Each structure stands twice: as C-alpha cells, then as structure tokens.
Amino acid sequence: MLIADAFFYLFATITVGAAVMVISARNPVHAVLFLILAFVSSAGIFILLGAEFLAFILVVVYVGAVAVLFMFVVMMLDVDFTELRSGFLSYLPVGALIGIILLAELILVLGSWVITPEVAAHVATPTPPLTEISNTEALGRVLYTKYVYFFQAAGVILLIAMIGAIVLTLQHKTGVKRQSIAAQVARTPADAIEIKQVESGKGLL
C-alpha cells in the first residue's frame, strides 16, 4: 500500500506541476511537451485506480493524436502568438466570469460531499461488478447499452464541431486555381470544344 501511495503522490505532483507549466510557458512547443507529460502522469493515476482503459485512451488519443497534431500545427504554420495575445484583455471580463461560475460549481459539488454524506450512496457502480469482468468490458457494456444515445449524440456534436472548425479556418488564396466539381459536371460540349475551320495551307493564329 505504501508503494501505491508513493506512486500516486508522485504522479499527482508531476501532473499538477506540468499543468501549471502548460499555462505559464511562453514557448508554445514547450507548453505542448508539458501537456504530454501531464497526460502521461494522469494515465499513471488511472492505472493505479484500476481504470486501465481510460489510461490507454488518454495516451493513445490525446498524446498520440491531439497533442502531437497541435505541436505540428504550431511548428509548421508559424502562428504569430503575439498577434493572438493582443486581444487578451478584451476577453478578460468574460473569461473571469466563466471562471467564477466554474469555481462556484466545483465548490457546490465538493461541498455536497461534506453537507450531505448520503450522496455517496447514490453514486453509480459498474454493472456488472469489476470482479467478474475487466474494466474495459464493463465500461463498454454500460456505454453501448445504457448510454448509447448519449454516446451517439456526442459523436454527432464532435463531427459538427470539426466541420465548423474547418469551414471557419479555411482560407482561399487569390490567384490559386481550385477544382470545382459542380462546374465540371455542368460543362457542355459547346463550352469545352471550339471547332475552327482552317483553310488549306494556313495554320491557326
């Protein structure tokens, strides 16, 4: 038990420290590296809790896809972060209001465990118990049976968000020829072919 506690405090300390460095690092590449460290440390905590599926998903999806993709975007697109930070003060009141609301919600959630301890009795438990099947199988059974509609709705929302992000960030440069499927399909032989009568012994001018 002492070894598990030691690893928990180790991973928790690294996670909190890396999270602080993510928001305080001036170099965006360093911030992404600290973010990867925070994800890996959080995965270690999930493994200590017996949620190995969440740990694998955290490493494979977030570290292997999201964080690395963000790093390549930052390094290849040469984003001007000075220009992005120029309007920070204008959004500060709205951000502070949202932060206060989230802090109030966290206080209410944590305070309910102290004010009403019987809330712990209503916490949902895995079905069936983890002693019979693995954590991954139990999570899959609950996710694809009881919460299947919420799971599908979340997928649709993420798909819409992805399409919206692509549409908002897509910029067409002037002077660059692009393929238009509708224009190609709508072409007629008269538009595509021009027939000229060439006299004998003369070429085209």
C-alpha atoms as a PDB file:
ATOM      1  CA  MET A   1       0.000   0.000   0.000  1.00  0.00           C
ATOM      2  CA  LEU A   2       2.868   2.378   0.729  1.00  0.00           C
ATOM      3  CA  ILE A   3       4.275   1.856  -2.781  1.00  0.00           C
ATOM      4  CA  ALA A   4       0.896   2.644  -4.368  1.00  0.00           C
ATOM      5  CA  ASP A   5       0.552   5.787  -2.241  1.00  0.00           C
ATOM      6  CA  ALA A   6       4.056   6.890  -3.172  1.00  0.00           C
ATOM      7  CA  PHE A   7       3.358   6.457  -6.889  1.00  0.00           C
ATOM      8  CA  PHE A   8       0.042   8.307  -6.523  1.00  0.00           C
ATOM      9  CA  TYR A   9       1.674  11.335  -4.920  1.00  0.00           C
ATOM     10  CA  LEU A  10       4.467  11.193  -7.499  1.00  0.00           C
ATOM     11  CA  PHE A  11       2.087  11.168 -10.461  1.00  0.00           C
ATOM     12  CA  ALA A  12      -0.175  13.784  -8.862  1.00  0.00           C
ATOM     13  CA  THR A  13       2.732  16.142  -8.207  1.00  0.00           C
ATOM     14  CA  ILE A  14       4.024  15.772 -11.771  1.00  0.00           C
ATOM     15  CA  THR A  15       0.528  16.313 -13.192  1.00  0.00           C
ATOM     16  CA  VAL A  16      -0.095  19.500 -11.230  1.00  0.00           C
ATOM     17  CA  GLY A  17       3.374  20.861 -11.982  1.00  0.00           C
ATOM     18  CA  ALA A  18       3.070  20.080 -15.698  1.00  0.00           C
ATOM     19  CA  ALA A  19      -0.401  21.672 -15.820  1.00  0.00           C
ATOM     20  CA  VAL A  20       0.966  24.863 -14.296  1.00  0.00           C
ATOM     21  CA  MET A  21       3.791  24.911 -16.834  1.00  0.00           C
ATOM     22  CA  VAL A  22       1.321  24.438 -19.713  1.00  0.00           C
ATOM     23  CA  ILE A  23      -0.379  27.758 -18.979  1.00  0.00           C
ATOM     24  CA  SER A  24       2.768  29.606 -17.925  1.00  0.00           C
ATOM     25  CA  ALA A  25       5.242  28.539 -20.637  1.00  0.00           C
ATOM     26  CA  ARG A  26       5.937  31.261 -23.195  1.00  0.00           C
ATOM     27  CA  ASN A  27       7.048  28.865 -25.913  1.00  0.00           C
ATOM     28  CA  PRO A  28       4.005  27.002 -27.343  1.00  0.00           C
ATOM     29  CA  VAL A  29       6.129  23.955 -28.203  1.00  0.00           C
ATOM     30  CA  HIS A  30       7.272  23.697 -24.581  1.00  0.00           C
ATOM     31  CA  ALA A  31       3.645  24.051 -23.488  1.00  0.00           C
ATOM     32  CA  VAL A  32       2.659  21.073 -25.667  1.00  0.00           C
ATOM     33  CA  LEU A  33       5.504  18.987 -24.231  1.00  0.00           C
ATOM     34  CA  PHE A  34       4.354  19.781 -20.692  1.00  0.00           C
ATOM     35  CA  LEU A  35       0.814  18.899 -21.759  1.00  0.00           C
ATOM     36  CA  ILE A  36       2.011  15.476 -22.929  1.00  0.00           C
ATOM     37  CA  LEU A  37       3.760  14.999 -19.572  1.00  0.00           C
ATOM     38  CA  ALA A  38       0.531  15.876 -17.753  1.00  0.00           C
ATOM     39  CA  PHE A  39      -1.410  13.344 -19.857  1.00  0.00           C
ATOM     40  CA  VAL A  40       1.084  10.553 -19.197  1.00  0.00           C
ATOM     41  CA  SER A  41       1.089  11.264 -15.450  1.00  0.00           C
ATOM     42  CA  SER A  42      -2.719  11.284 -15.407  1.00  0.00           C
ATOM     43  CA  ALA A  43      -2.678   7.929 -17.205  1.00  0.00           C
ATOM     44  CA  GLY A  44      -0.478   6.583 -14.402  1.00  0.00           C
ATOM     45  CA  ILE A  45      -3.060   7.713 -11.844  1.00  0.00           C
ATOM     46  CA  PHE A  46      -5.836   6.000 -13.824  1.00  0.00           C
ATOM     47  CA  ILE A  47      -3.848   2.751 -13.813  1.00  0.00           C
ATOM     48  CA  LEU A  48      -3.443   2.987 -10.028  1.00  0.00           C
ATOM     49  CA  LEU A  49      -7.231   3.395  -9.764  1.00  0.00           C
ATOM     50  CA  GLY A  50      -7.818   0.298 -11.886  1.00  0.00           C
ATOM     51  CA  ALA A  51      -9.174   2.192 -14.908  1.00  0.00           C
ATOM     52  CA  GLU A  52      -6.685   0.905 -17.443  1.00  0.00           C
ATOM     53  CA  PHE A  53      -8.988   1.614 -20.383  1.00  0.00           C
ATOM     54  CA  LEU A  54      -9.101   5.328 -19.596  1.00  0.00           C
ATOM     55  CA  ALA A  55      -5.324   5.346 -19.187  1.00  0.00           C
ATOM     56  CA  PHE A  56      -4.790   3.764 -22.616  1.00  0.00           C
ATOM     57  CA  ILE A  57      -7.290   6.111 -24.254  1.00  0.00           C
ATOM     58  CA  LEU A  58      -5.606   9.109 -22.625  1.00  0.00           C
ATOM     59  CA  VAL A  59      -2.218   8.100 -24.001  1.00  0.00           C
ATOM     60  CA  VAL A  60      -3.304   6.861 -27.435  1.00  0.00           C
ATOM     61  CA  VAL A  61      -5.858   9.567 -28.284  1.00  0.00           C
ATOM     62  CA  TYR A  62      -4.632  12.674 -26.511  1.00  0.00           C
ATOM     63  CA  VAL A  63      -0.890  12.126 -26.522  1.00  0.00           C
ATOM     64  CA  GLY A  64      -0.687  10.229 -29.796  1.00  0.00           C
ATOM     65  CA  ALA A  65      -3.086  12.391 -31.781  1.00  0.00           C
ATOM     66  CA  VAL A  66      -4.238  15.651 -30.262  1.00  0.00           C
ATOM     67  CA  ALA A  67      -1.038  16.860 -28.591  1.00  0.00           C
ATOM     68  CA  VAL A  68       1.276  15.747 -31.406  1.00  0.00           C
ATOM     69  CA  LEU A  69      -1.046  17.220 -34.041  1.00  0.00           C
ATOM     70  CA  PHE A  70      -1.124  20.514 -32.163  1.00  0.00           C
ATOM     71  CA  MET A  71       2.663  20.526 -31.991  1.00  0.00           C
ATOM     72  CA  PHE A  72       2.981  20.004 -35.749  1.00  0.00           C
ATOM     73  CA  VAL A  73       0.426  22.771 -36.387  1.00  0.00           C
ATOM     74  CA  VAL A  74       2.371  25.185 -34.178  1.00  0.00           C
ATOM     75  CA  MET A  75       5.729  24.312 -35.725  1.00  0.00           C
ATOM     76  CA  MET A  76       4.652  24.199 -39.386  1.00  0.00           C
ATOM     77  CA  LEU A  77       2.151  27.041 -39.653  1.00  0.00           C
ATOM     78  CA  ASP A  78       4.378  29.543 -37.813  1.00  0.00           C
ATOM     79  CA  VAL A  79       1.463  31.035 -35.885  1.00  0.00           C
ATOM     80  CA  ASP A  80       2.004  34.601 -34.680  1.00  0.00           C
ATOM     81  CA  PHE A  81       1.116  34.212 -30.995  1.00  0.00           C
ATOM     82  CA  THR A  82       1.943  37.851 -30.298  1.00  0.00           C
ATOM     83  CA  GLU A  83      -0.937  38.881 -32.511  1.00  0.00           C
ATOM     84  CA  LEU A  84      -3.234  36.324 -30.883  1.00  0.00           C
ATOM     85  CA  ARG A  85      -2.427  37.632 -27.405  1.00  0.00           C
ATOM     86  CA  SER A  86      -3.069  41.236 -28.423  1.00  0.00           C
ATOM     87  CA  GLY A  87      -6.819  40.928 -27.773  1.00  0.00           C
ATOM     88  CA  PHE A  88      -6.459  39.074 -24.484  1.00  0.00           C
ATOM     89  CA  LEU A  89      -7.533  41.990 -22.288  1.00  0.00           C
ATOM     90  CA  SER A  90     -10.750  42.494 -24.243  1.00  0.00           C
ATOM     91  CA  TYR A  91     -11.857  38.939 -23.414  1.00  0.00           C
ATOM     92  CA  LEU A  92     -10.667  39.070 -19.805  1.00  0.00           C
ATOM     93  CA  PRO A  93     -14.056  40.064 -18.228  1.00  0.00           C
ATOM     94  CA  VAL A  94     -15.907  37.250 -19.998  1.00  0.00           C
ATOM     95  CA  GLY A  95     -13.186  34.733 -19.118  1.00  0.00           C
ATOM     96  CA  ALA A  96     -13.193  35.849 -15.477  1.00  0.00           C
ATOM     97  CA  LEU A  97     -16.985  35.464 -15.313  1.00  0.00           C
ATOM     98  CA  ILE A  98     -16.814  31.937 -16.740  1.00  0.00           C
ATOM     99  CA  GLY A  99     -14.003  31.070 -14.315  1.00  0.00           C
ATOM    100  CA  ILE A 100     -16.063  32.297 -11.342  1.00  0.00           C
ATOM    101  CA  ILE A 101     -19.047  30.220 -12.477  1.00  0.00           C
ATOM    102  CA  LEU A 102     -16.896  27.077 -12.822  1.00  0.00           C
ATOM    103  CA  LEU A 103     -15.337  27.709  -9.401  1.00  0.00           C
ATOM    104  CA  ALA A 104     -18.796  28.053  -7.844  1.00  0.00           C
ATOM    105  CA  GLU A 105     -19.895  24.780  -9.438  1.00  0.00           C
ATOM    106  CA  LEU A 106     -16.800  22.980  -8.124  1.00  0.00           C
ATOM    107  CA  ILE A 107     -17.429  24.355  -4.627  1.00  0.00           C
ATOM    108  CA  LEU A 108     -21.044  23.166  -4.764  1.00  0.00           C
ATOM    109  CA  VAL A 109     -20.023  19.692  -5.947  1.00  0.00           C
ATOM    110  CA  LEU A 110     -17.279  19.281  -3.344  1.00  0.00           C
ATOM    111  CA  GLY A 111     -19.408  20.839  -0.626  1.00  0.00           C
ATOM    112  CA  SER A 112     -22.238  18.374  -1.206  1.00  0.00           C
ATOM    113  CA  TRP A 113     -19.996  15.530  -0.023  1.00  0.00           C
ATOM    114  CA  VAL A 114     -19.499  17.323   3.292  1.00  0.00           C
ATOM    115  CA  ILE A 115     -23.011  18.701   3.796  1.00  0.00           C
ATOM    116  CA  THR A 116     -24.855  15.572   2.635  1.00  0.00           C
ATOM    117  CA  PRO A 117     -22.659  12.472   3.026  1.00  0.00           C
ATOM    118  CA  GLU A 118     -25.546  10.250   1.881  1.00  0.00           C
ATOM    119  CA  VAL A 119     -24.900  11.446  -1.679  1.00  0.00           C
ATOM    120  CA  ALA A 120     -22.100   8.882  -1.878  1.00  0.00           C
ATOM    121  CA  ALA A 121     -24.682   6.108  -1.599  1.00  0.00           C
ATOM    122  CA  HIS A 122     -26.290   7.184  -4.897  1.00  0.00           C
ATOM    123  CA  VAL A 123     -23.102   7.049  -6.953  1.00  0.00           C
ATOM    124  CA  ALA A 124     -23.482   4.638  -9.852  1.00  0.00           C
ATOM    125  CA  THR A 125     -21.381   1.485  -9.659  1.00  0.00           C
ATOM    126  CA  PRO A 126     -20.105  -0.525 -12.645  1.00  0.00           C
ATOM    127  CA  THR A 127     -22.552  -3.128 -13.954  1.00  0.00           C
ATOM    128  CA  PRO A 128     -21.633  -5.955 -13.606  1.00  0.00           C
ATOM    129  CA  PRO A 129     -19.046  -5.677 -10.814  1.00  0.00           C
ATOM    130  CA  LEU A 130     -15.390  -5.402 -11.822  1.00  0.00           C
ATOM    131  CA  THR A 131     -14.643  -8.661 -10.012  1.00  0.00           C
ATOM    132  CA  GLU A 132     -16.424 -10.614 -12.747  1.00  0.00           C
ATOM    133  CA  ILE A 133     -15.154  -8.851 -15.891  1.00  0.00           C
ATOM    134  CA  SER A 134     -12.430  -6.385 -16.802  1.00  0.00           C
ATOM    135  CA  ASN A 135     -12.766  -2.641 -16.514  1.00  0.00           C
ATOM    136  CA  THR A 136     -12.735  -2.217 -20.288  1.00  0.00           C
ATOM    137  CA  GLU A 137     -15.563  -4.704 -20.852  1.00  0.00           C
ATOM    138  CA  ALA A 138     -17.669  -3.218 -18.047  1.00  0.00           C
ATOM    139  CA  LEU A 139     -17.256   0.268 -19.458  1.00  0.00           C
ATOM    140  CA  GLY A 140     -18.132  -0.929 -22.959  1.00  0.00           C
ATOM    141  CA  ARG A 141     -21.287  -2.686 -21.757  1.00  0.00           C
ATOM    142  CA  VAL A 142     -22.526   0.397 -19.927  1.00  0.00           C
ATOM    143  CA  LEU A 143     -21.517   2.829 -22.673  1.00  0.00           C
ATOM    144  CA  TYR A 144     -23.106   0.917 -25.552  1.00  0.00           C
ATOM    145  CA  THR A 145     -26.296  -0.092 -23.744  1.00  0.00           C
ATOM    146  CA  LYS A 146     -27.460   2.403 -21.134  1.00  0.00           C
ATOM    147  CA  TYR A 147     -25.758   5.474 -22.589  1.00  0.00           C
ATOM    148  CA  VAL A 148     -25.681   4.542 -26.279  1.00  0.00           C
ATOM    149  CA  TYR A 149     -27.868   7.501 -27.368  1.00  0.00           C
ATOM    150  CA  PHE A 150     -25.756   9.978 -25.430  1.00  0.00           C
ATOM    151  CA  PHE A 151     -22.652   8.393 -26.963  1.00  0.00           C
ATOM    152  CA  GLN A 152     -24.028   8.812 -30.485  1.00  0.00           C
ATOM    153  CA  ALA A 153     -25.143  12.379 -29.749  1.00  0.00           C
ATOM    154  CA  ALA A 154     -21.652  13.244 -28.518  1.00  0.00           C
ATOM    155  CA  GLY A 155     -20.185  11.832 -31.737  1.00  0.00           C
ATOM    156  CA  VAL A 156     -22.530  13.955 -33.862  1.00  0.00           C
ATOM    157  CA  ILE A 157     -21.671  17.083 -31.857  1.00  0.00           C
ATOM    158  CA  LEU A 158     -17.941  16.441 -32.299  1.00  0.00           C
ATOM    159  CA  LEU A 159     -18.429  15.882 -36.037  1.00  0.00           C
ATOM    160  CA  ILE A 160     -20.321  19.174 -36.367  1.00  0.00           C
ATOM    161  CA  ALA A 161     -17.629  20.956 -34.351  1.00  0.00           C
ATOM    162  CA  MET A 162     -14.902  19.524 -36.583  1.00  0.00           C
ATOM    163  CA  ILE A 163     -16.696  20.597 -39.773  1.00  0.00           C
ATOM    164  CA  GLY A 164     -17.344  24.052 -38.316  1.00  0.00           C
ATOM    165  CA  ALA A 165     -13.695  24.489 -37.360  1.00  0.00           C
ATOM    166  CA  ILE A 166     -12.595  23.519 -40.883  1.00  0.00           C
ATOM    167  CA  VAL A 167     -15.074  25.906 -42.509  1.00  0.00           C
ATOM    168  CA  LEU A 168     -14.115  28.814 -40.229  1.00  0.00           C
ATOM    169  CA  THR A 169     -10.367  28.381 -40.667  1.00  0.00           C
ATOM    170  CA  LEU A 170     -10.369  27.570 -44.400  1.00  0.00           C
ATOM    171  CA  GLN A 171      -8.949  30.495 -46.336  1.00  0.00           C
ATOM    172  CA  HIS A 172      -8.942  30.669 -50.124  1.00  0.00           C
ATOM    173  CA  LYS A 173      -5.897  32.403 -51.559  1.00  0.00           C
ATOM    174  CA  THR A 174      -6.386  34.618 -54.565  1.00  0.00           C
ATOM    175  CA  GLY A 175      -4.757  33.508 -57.801  1.00  0.00           C
ATOM    176  CA  VAL A 176      -4.826  29.801 -56.919  1.00  0.00           C
ATOM    177  CA  LYS A 177      -6.812  27.529 -59.229  1.00  0.00           C
ATOM    178  CA  ARG A 178      -9.132  25.152 -57.425  1.00  0.00           C
ATOM    179  CA  GLN A 179     -11.230  22.264 -58.619  1.00  0.00           C
ATOM    180  CA  SER A 180     -14.974  22.858 -58.833  1.00  0.00           C
ATOM    181  CA  ILE A 181     -16.902  19.610 -59.245  1.00  0.00           C
ATOM    182  CA  ALA A 182     -20.177  21.428 -59.953  1.00  0.00           C
ATOM    183  CA  ALA A 183     -18.608  23.468 -62.755  1.00  0.00           C
ATOM    184  CA  GLN A 184     -17.058  20.358 -64.286  1.00  0.00           C
ATOM    185  CA  VAL A 185     -20.324  18.436 -64.238  1.00  0.00           C
ATOM    186  CA  ALA A 186     -22.253  21.400 -65.688  1.00  0.00           C
ATOM    187  CA  ARG A 187     -19.912  21.752 -68.698  1.00  0.00           C
ATOM    188  CA  THR A 188     -21.368  21.081 -72.139  1.00  0.00           C
ATOM    189  CA  PRO A 189     -19.524  20.095 -75.344  1.00  0.00           C
ATOM    190  CA  ALA A 190     -20.104  23.609 -76.663  1.00  0.00           C
ATOM    191  CA  ASP A 191     -18.248  25.073 -73.664  1.00  0.00           C
ATOM    192  CA  ALA A 192     -15.397  22.574 -73.773  1.00  0.00           C
ATOM    193  CA  ILE A 193     -14.749  22.318 -77.515  1.00  0.00           C
ATOM    194  CA  GLU A 194     -14.256  25.075 -80.059  1.00  0.00           C
ATOM    195  CA  ILE A 195     -14.228  23.996 -83.700  1.00  0.00           C
ATOM    196  CA  LYS A 196     -12.461  26.181 -86.252  1.00  0.00           C
ATOM    197  CA  GLN A 197     -12.374  25.818 -89.993  1.00  0.00           C
ATOM    198  CA  VAL A 198      -8.759  26.025 -91.128  1.00  0.00           C
ATOM    199  CA  GLU A 199      -8.084  26.880 -94.717  1.00  0.00           C
ATOM    200  CA  SER A 200      -5.722  24.684 -96.691  1.00  0.00           C
ATOM    201  CA  GLY A 201      -2.102  25.759 -96.343  1.00  0.00           C
ATOM    202  CA  LYS A 202      -2.724  28.041 -93.337  1.00  0.00           C
ATOM    203  CA  GLY A 203      -2.204  27.392 -89.654  1.00  0.00           C
ATOM    204  CA  LEU A 204      -4.000  28.598 -86.576  1.00  0.00           C
ATOM    205  CA  LEU A 205      -3.242  32.135 -85.415  1.00  0.00           C
END
